[in-house]
């Protein structure tokens, strides 16, 4: 009965005790996360290409 009681109380708390954000705020937050993810991935890509170019030049120099 412990797990069943836990699940019932969890649902009760989610419905009555939790303050949910509005749909508009959730959409704005989601857009912000998507934009940040794209910017961060582009920064990682550019940094990776930069170091790859330097490493390729160094390795071709020492051959």
PDB file of N, CA and C in Angstrom:
ATOM      1  N   UNK A   1       0.813  -1.202   0.000  1.00  0.00           N
ATOM      2  CA  UNK A   1       0.000   0.000   0.000  1.00  0.00           C
ATOM      3  C   UNK A   1       0.853   1.262   0.000  1.00  0.00           C
ATOM      4  N   UNK A   2       2.129   1.165   0.326  1.00  0.00           N
ATOM      5  CA  UNK A   2       2.991   2.331   0.415  1.00  0.00           C
ATOM      6  C   UNK A   2       3.148   3.052  -0.910  1.00  0.00           C
ATOM      7  N   UNK A   3       3.381   2.291  -1.975  1.00  0.00           N
ATOM      8  CA  UNK A   3       3.608   2.912  -3.283  1.00  0.00           C
ATOM      9  C   UNK A   3       2.325   3.516  -3.829  1.00  0.00           C
ATOM     10  N   UNK A   4       1.202   2.858  -3.617  1.00  0.00           N
ATOM     11  CA  UNK A   4      -0.082   3.367  -4.082  1.00  0.00           C
ATOM     12  C   UNK A   4      -0.410   4.679  -3.372  1.00  0.00           C
ATOM     13  N   UNK A   5      -0.186   4.727  -2.076  1.00  0.00           N
ATOM     14  CA  UNK A   5      -0.432   5.942  -1.294  1.00  0.00           C
ATOM     15  C   UNK A   5       0.496   7.066  -1.759  1.00  0.00           C
ATOM     16  N   UNK A   6       1.745   6.727  -2.027  1.00  0.00           N
ATOM     17  CA  UNK A   6       2.715   7.718  -2.512  1.00  0.00           C
ATOM     18  C   UNK A   6       2.255   8.331  -3.835  1.00  0.00           C
ATOM     19  N   UNK A   7       1.798   7.491  -4.756  1.00  0.00           N
ATOM     20  CA  UNK A   7       1.343   7.982  -6.066  1.00  0.00           C
ATOM     21  C   UNK A   7       0.105   8.856  -5.910  1.00  0.00           C
ATOM     22  N   UNK A   8      -0.842   8.425  -5.077  1.00  0.00           N
ATOM     23  CA  UNK A   8      -2.050   9.227  -4.848  1.00  0.00           C
ATOM     24  C   UNK A   8      -1.701  10.590  -4.266  1.00  0.00           C
ATOM     25  N   UNK A   9      -0.826  10.613  -3.273  1.00  0.00           N
ATOM     26  CA  UNK A   9      -0.431  11.877  -2.656  1.00  0.00           C
ATOM     27  C   UNK A   9       0.355  12.758  -3.623  1.00  0.00           C
ATOM     28  N   UNK A  10       1.152  12.137  -4.486  1.00  0.00           N
ATOM     29  CA  UNK A  10       1.903  12.908  -5.485  1.00  0.00           C
ATOM     30  C   UNK A  10       0.955  13.608  -6.449  1.00  0.00           C
ATOM     31  N   UNK A  11      -0.042  12.905  -6.947  1.00  0.00           N
ATOM     32  CA  UNK A  11      -1.023  13.512  -7.847  1.00  0.00           C
ATOM     33  C   UNK A  11      -1.812  14.613  -7.141  1.00  0.00           C
ATOM     34  N   UNK A  12      -2.171  14.363  -5.878  1.00  0.00           N
ATOM     35  CA  UNK A  12      -2.896  15.368  -5.106  1.00  0.00           C
ATOM     36  C   UNK A  12      -2.053  16.637  -4.949  1.00  0.00           C
ATOM     37  N   UNK A  13      -0.777  16.468  -4.670  1.00  0.00           N
ATOM     38  CA  UNK A  13       0.105  17.625  -4.510  1.00  0.00           C
ATOM     39  C   UNK A  13       0.279  18.363  -5.833  1.00  0.00           C
ATOM     40  N   UNK A  14       0.439  17.632  -6.931  1.00  0.00           N
ATOM     41  CA  UNK A  14       0.595  18.272  -8.243  1.00  0.00           C
ATOM     42  C   UNK A  14      -0.643  19.074  -8.628  1.00  0.00           C
ATOM     43  N   UNK A  15      -1.812  18.595  -8.267  1.00  0.00           N
ATOM     44  CA  UNK A  15      -3.052  19.290  -8.622  1.00  0.00           C
ATOM     45  C   UNK A  15      -3.372  20.449  -7.698  1.00  0.00           C
ATOM     46  N   UNK A  16      -2.999  20.362  -6.424  1.00  0.00           N
ATOM     47  CA  UNK A  16      -3.453  21.352  -5.448  1.00  0.00           C
ATOM     48  C   UNK A  16      -2.357  22.255  -4.900  1.00  0.00           C
ATOM     49  N   UNK A  17      -1.140  21.808  -4.833  1.00  0.00           N
ATOM     50  CA  UNK A  17      -0.087  22.543  -4.141  1.00  0.00           C
ATOM     51  C   UNK A  17       0.913  23.230  -5.080  1.00  0.00           C
ATOM     52  N   UNK A  18       1.035  22.742  -6.297  1.00  0.00           N
ATOM     53  CA  UNK A  18       2.043  23.266  -7.225  1.00  0.00           C
ATOM     54  C   UNK A  18       1.461  24.447  -7.990  1.00  0.00           C
ATOM     55  N   UNK A  19       2.248  25.513  -8.097  1.00  0.00           N
ATOM     56  CA  UNK A  19       1.855  26.669  -8.903  1.00  0.00           C
ATOM     57  C   UNK A  19       2.492  26.519 -10.276  1.00  0.00           C
ATOM     58  N   UNK A  20       1.677  26.336 -11.283  1.00  0.00           N
ATOM     59  CA  UNK A  20       2.164  26.129 -12.639  1.00  0.00           C
ATOM     60  C   UNK A  20       2.293  27.477 -13.343  1.00  0.00           C
ATOM     61  N   UNK A  21       3.290  27.577 -14.221  1.00  0.00           N
ATOM     62  CA  UNK A  21       3.442  28.803 -15.002  1.00  0.00           C
ATOM     63  C   UNK A  21       2.397  28.818 -16.111  1.00  0.00           C
ATOM     64  N   UNK A  22       2.152  30.004 -16.639  1.00  0.00           N
ATOM     65  CA  UNK A  22       1.157  30.121 -17.705  1.00  0.00           C
ATOM     66  C   UNK A  22       1.716  29.559 -19.005  1.00  0.00           C
ATOM     67  N   UNK A  23       0.810  29.272 -19.929  1.00  0.00           N
ATOM     68  CA  UNK A  23       1.218  28.752 -21.229  1.00  0.00           C
ATOM     69  C   UNK A  23       2.097  29.763 -21.956  1.00  0.00           C
ATOM     70  N   UNK A  24       1.764  31.032 -21.868  1.00  0.00           N
ATOM     71  CA  UNK A  24       2.542  32.074 -22.526  1.00  0.00           C
ATOM     72  C   UNK A  24       3.972  32.119 -21.975  1.00  0.00           C
ATOM     73  N   UNK A  25       4.098  32.033 -20.661  1.00  0.00           N
ATOM     74  CA  UNK A  25       5.425  32.044 -20.040  1.00  0.00           C
ATOM     75  C   UNK A  25       6.208  30.785 -20.406  1.00  0.00           C
ATOM     76  N   UNK A  26       5.541  29.649 -20.479  1.00  0.00           N
ATOM     77  CA  UNK A  26       6.204  28.400 -20.864  1.00  0.00           C
ATOM     78  C   UNK A  26       6.709  28.484 -22.302  1.00  0.00           C
ATOM     79  N   UNK A  27       5.916  29.082 -23.198  1.00  0.00           N
ATOM     80  CA  UNK A  27       6.340  29.226 -24.589  1.00  0.00           C
ATOM     81  C   UNK A  27       7.549  30.155 -24.694  1.00  0.00           C
ATOM     82  N   UNK A  28       7.528  31.259 -23.947  1.00  0.00           N
ATOM     83  CA  UNK A  28       8.663  32.187 -23.968  1.00  0.00           C
ATOM     84  C   UNK A  28       9.927  31.512 -23.444  1.00  0.00           C
ATOM     85  N   UNK A  29       9.790  30.753 -22.378  1.00  0.00           N
ATOM     86  CA  UNK A  29      10.942  30.052 -21.810  1.00  0.00           C
ATOM     87  C   UNK A  29      11.482  29.003 -22.782  1.00  0.00           C
ATOM     88  N   UNK A  30      10.581  28.319 -23.462  1.00  0.00           N
ATOM     89  CA  UNK A  30      10.995  27.308 -24.429  1.00  0.00           C
ATOM     90  C   UNK A  30      11.750  27.947 -25.580  1.00  0.00           C
ATOM     91  N   UNK A  31      11.260  29.074 -26.082  1.00  0.00           N
ATOM     92  CA  UNK A  31      11.937  29.776 -27.170  1.00  0.00           C
ATOM     93  C   UNK A  31      13.318  30.232 -26.713  1.00  0.00           C
ATOM     94  N   UNK A  32      13.421  30.739 -25.500  1.00  0.00           N
ATOM     95  CA  UNK A  32      14.706  31.173 -24.965  1.00  0.00           C
ATOM     96  C   UNK A  32      15.689  30.006 -24.897  1.00  0.00           C
ATOM     97  N   UNK A  33      15.232  28.862 -24.451  1.00  0.00           N
ATOM     98  CA  UNK A  33      16.100  27.679 -24.368  1.00  0.00           C
ATOM     99  C   UNK A  33      16.540  27.239 -25.758  1.00  0.00           C
ATOM    100  N   UNK A  34      15.635  27.240 -26.719  1.00  0.00           N
ATOM    101  CA  UNK A  34      15.975  26.838 -28.081  1.00  0.00           C
ATOM    102  C   UNK A  34      17.008  27.792 -28.676  1.00  0.00           C
ATOM    103  N   UNK A  35      16.802  29.098 -28.508  1.00  0.00           N
ATOM    104  CA  UNK A  35      17.749  30.082 -29.049  1.00  0.00           C
ATOM    105  C   UNK A  35      19.117  29.919 -28.387  1.00  0.00           C
ATOM    106  N   UNK A  36      19.143  29.774 -27.063  1.00  0.00           N
ATOM    107  CA  UNK A  36      20.408  29.592 -26.371  1.00  0.00           C
ATOM    108  C   UNK A  36      21.103  28.321 -26.839  1.00  0.00           C
ATOM    109  N   UNK A  37      20.361  27.251 -27.031  1.00  0.00           N
ATOM    110  CA  UNK A  37      20.941  25.993 -27.487  1.00  0.00           C
ATOM    111  C   UNK A  37      21.566  26.141 -28.863  1.00  0.00           C
ATOM    112  N   UNK A  38      20.881  26.830 -29.765  1.00  0.00           N
ATOM    113  CA  UNK A  38      21.420  27.045 -31.114  1.00  0.00           C
ATOM    114  C   UNK A  38      22.685  27.901 -31.058  1.00  0.00           C
ATOM    115  N   UNK A  39      22.651  28.987 -30.293  1.00  0.00           N
ATOM    116  CA  UNK A  39      23.824  29.864 -30.183  1.00  0.00           C
ATOM    117  C   UNK A  39      24.994  29.104 -29.566  1.00  0.00           C
ATOM    118  N   UNK A  40      24.745  28.353 -28.522  1.00  0.00           N
ATOM    119  CA  UNK A  40      25.812  27.610 -27.860  1.00  0.00           C
ATOM    120  C   UNK A  40      26.392  26.548 -28.791  1.00  0.00           C
ATOM    121  N   UNK A  41      25.534  25.836 -29.533  1.00  0.00           N
ATOM    122  CA  UNK A  41      26.042  24.811 -30.439  1.00  0.00           C
ATOM    123  C   UNK A  41      26.846  25.430 -31.574  1.00  0.00           C
ATOM    124  N   UNK A  42      26.443  26.613 -32.054  1.00  0.00           N
ATOM    125  CA  UNK A  42      27.240  27.299 -33.075  1.00  0.00           C
ATOM    126  C   UNK A  42      28.595  27.730 -32.519  1.00  0.00           C
ATOM    127  N   UNK A  43      28.624  28.193 -31.285  1.00  0.00           N
ATOM    128  CA  UNK A  43      29.892  28.582 -30.661  1.00  0.00           C
ATOM    129  C   UNK A  43      30.816  27.378 -30.511  1.00  0.00           C
ATOM    130  N   UNK A  44      30.274  26.248 -30.111  1.00  0.00           N
ATOM    131  CA  UNK A  44      31.078  25.028 -29.992  1.00  0.00           C
ATOM    132  C   UNK A  44      31.577  24.597 -31.366  1.00  0.00           C
ATOM    133  N   UNK A  45      30.726  24.690 -32.398  1.00  0.00           N
ATOM    134  CA  UNK A  45      31.117  24.316 -33.756  1.00  0.00           C
ATOM    135  C   UNK A  45      32.264  25.185 -34.255  1.00  0.00           C
ATOM    136  N   UNK A  46      32.156  26.504 -34.069  1.00  0.00           N
ATOM    137  CA  UNK A  46      33.191  27.424 -34.524  1.00  0.00           C
ATOM    138  C   UNK A  46      34.496  27.164 -33.772  1.00  0.00           C
ATOM    139  N   UNK A  47      34.411  26.953 -32.471  1.00  0.00           N
ATOM    140  CA  UNK A  47      35.611  26.663 -31.680  1.00  0.00           C
ATOM    141  C   UNK A  47      36.256  25.359 -32.142  1.00  0.00           C
ATOM    142  N   UNK A  48      35.450  24.348 -32.407  1.00  0.00           N
ATOM    143  CA  UNK A  48      35.962  23.069 -32.875  1.00  0.00           C
ATOM    144  C   UNK A  48      36.660  23.220 -34.230  1.00  0.00           C
ATOM    145  N   UNK A  49      36.036  23.944 -35.149  1.00  0.00           N
ATOM    146  CA  UNK A  49      36.653  24.147 -36.469  1.00  0.00           C
ATOM    147  C   UNK A  49      37.955  24.926 -36.349  1.00  0.00           C
ATOM    148  N   UNK A  50      37.989  25.921 -35.452  1.00  0.00           N
ATOM    149  CA  UNK A  50      39.196  26.718 -35.237  1.00  0.00           C
ATOM    150  C   UNK A  50      40.348  25.830 -34.776  1.00  0.00           C
ATOM    151  N   UNK A  51      40.105  25.021 -33.744  1.00  0.00           N
ATOM    152  CA  UNK A  51      41.171  24.147 -33.244  1.00  0.00           C
ATOM    153  C   UNK A  51      41.520  23.048 -34.236  1.00  0.00           C
ATOM    154  N   UNK A  52      40.545  22.581 -35.015  1.00  0.00           N
ATOM    155  CA  UNK A  52      40.834  21.571 -36.032  1.00  0.00           C
ATOM    156  C   UNK A  52      41.757  22.147 -37.093  1.00  0.00           C
ATOM    157  N   UNK A  53      41.515  23.383 -37.504  1.00  0.00           N
ATOM    158  CA  UNK A  53      42.362  24.035 -38.500  1.00  0.00           C
ATOM    159  C   UNK A  53      43.776  24.219 -37.969  1.00  0.00           C
ATOM    160  N   UNK A  54      43.890  24.673 -36.736  1.00  0.00           N
ATOM    161  CA  UNK A  54      45.217  24.856 -36.134  1.00  0.00           C
ATOM    162  C   UNK A  54      45.943  23.519 -36.011  1.00  0.00           C
ATOM    163  N   UNK A  55      45.243  22.489 -35.564  1.00  0.00           N
ATOM    164  CA  UNK A  55      45.864  21.178 -35.408  1.00  0.00           C
ATOM    165  C   UNK A  55      46.268  20.601 -36.756  1.00  0.00           C
ATOM    166  N   UNK A  56      45.428  20.737 -37.774  1.00  0.00           N
ATOM    167  CA  UNK A  56      45.779  20.244 -39.112  1.00  0.00           C
ATOM    168  C   UNK A  56      47.007  20.982 -39.657  1.00  0.00           C
ATOM    169  N   UNK A  57      47.074  22.288 -39.456  1.00  0.00           N
ATOM    170  CA  UNK A  57      48.230  23.046 -39.912  1.00  0.00           C
ATOM    171  C   UNK A  57      49.485  22.607 -39.166  1.00  0.00           C
ATOM    172  N   UNK A  58      49.375  22.403 -37.881  1.00  0.00           N
ATOM    173  CA  UNK A  58      50.524  21.965 -37.079  1.00  0.00           C
ATOM    174  C   UNK A  58      50.997  20.587 -37.516  1.00  0.00           C
ATOM    175  N   UNK A  59      50.056  19.657 -37.719  1.00  0.00           N
ATOM    176  CA  UNK A  59      50.431  18.308 -38.107  1.00  0.00           C
ATOM    177  C   UNK A  59      51.029  18.264 -39.510  1.00  0.00           C
ATOM    178  N   UNK A  60      50.526  19.084 -40.419  1.00  0.00           N
ATOM    179  CA  UNK A  60      51.118  19.107 -41.768  1.00  0.00           C
ATOM    180  C   UNK A  60      52.490  19.774 -41.727  1.00  0.00           C
ATOM    181  N   UNK A  61      52.723  20.669 -40.784  1.00  0.00           N
ATOM    182  CA  UNK A  61      54.005  21.342 -40.642  1.00  0.00           C
ATOM    183  C   UNK A  61      55.077  20.382 -40.140  1.00  0.00           C
ATOM    184  N   UNK A  62      54.725  19.483 -39.216  1.00  0.00           N
ATOM    185  CA  UNK A  62      55.728  18.601 -38.627  1.00  0.00           C
ATOM    186  C   UNK A  62      55.961  17.347 -39.460  1.00  0.00           C
ATOM    187  N   UNK A  63      55.210  17.097 -40.518  1.00  0.00           N
ATOM    188  CA  UNK A  63      55.424  15.906 -41.365  1.00  0.00           C
ATOM    189  C   UNK A  63      56.622  16.047 -42.228  1.00  0.00           C
TER     190      UNK A  63
END
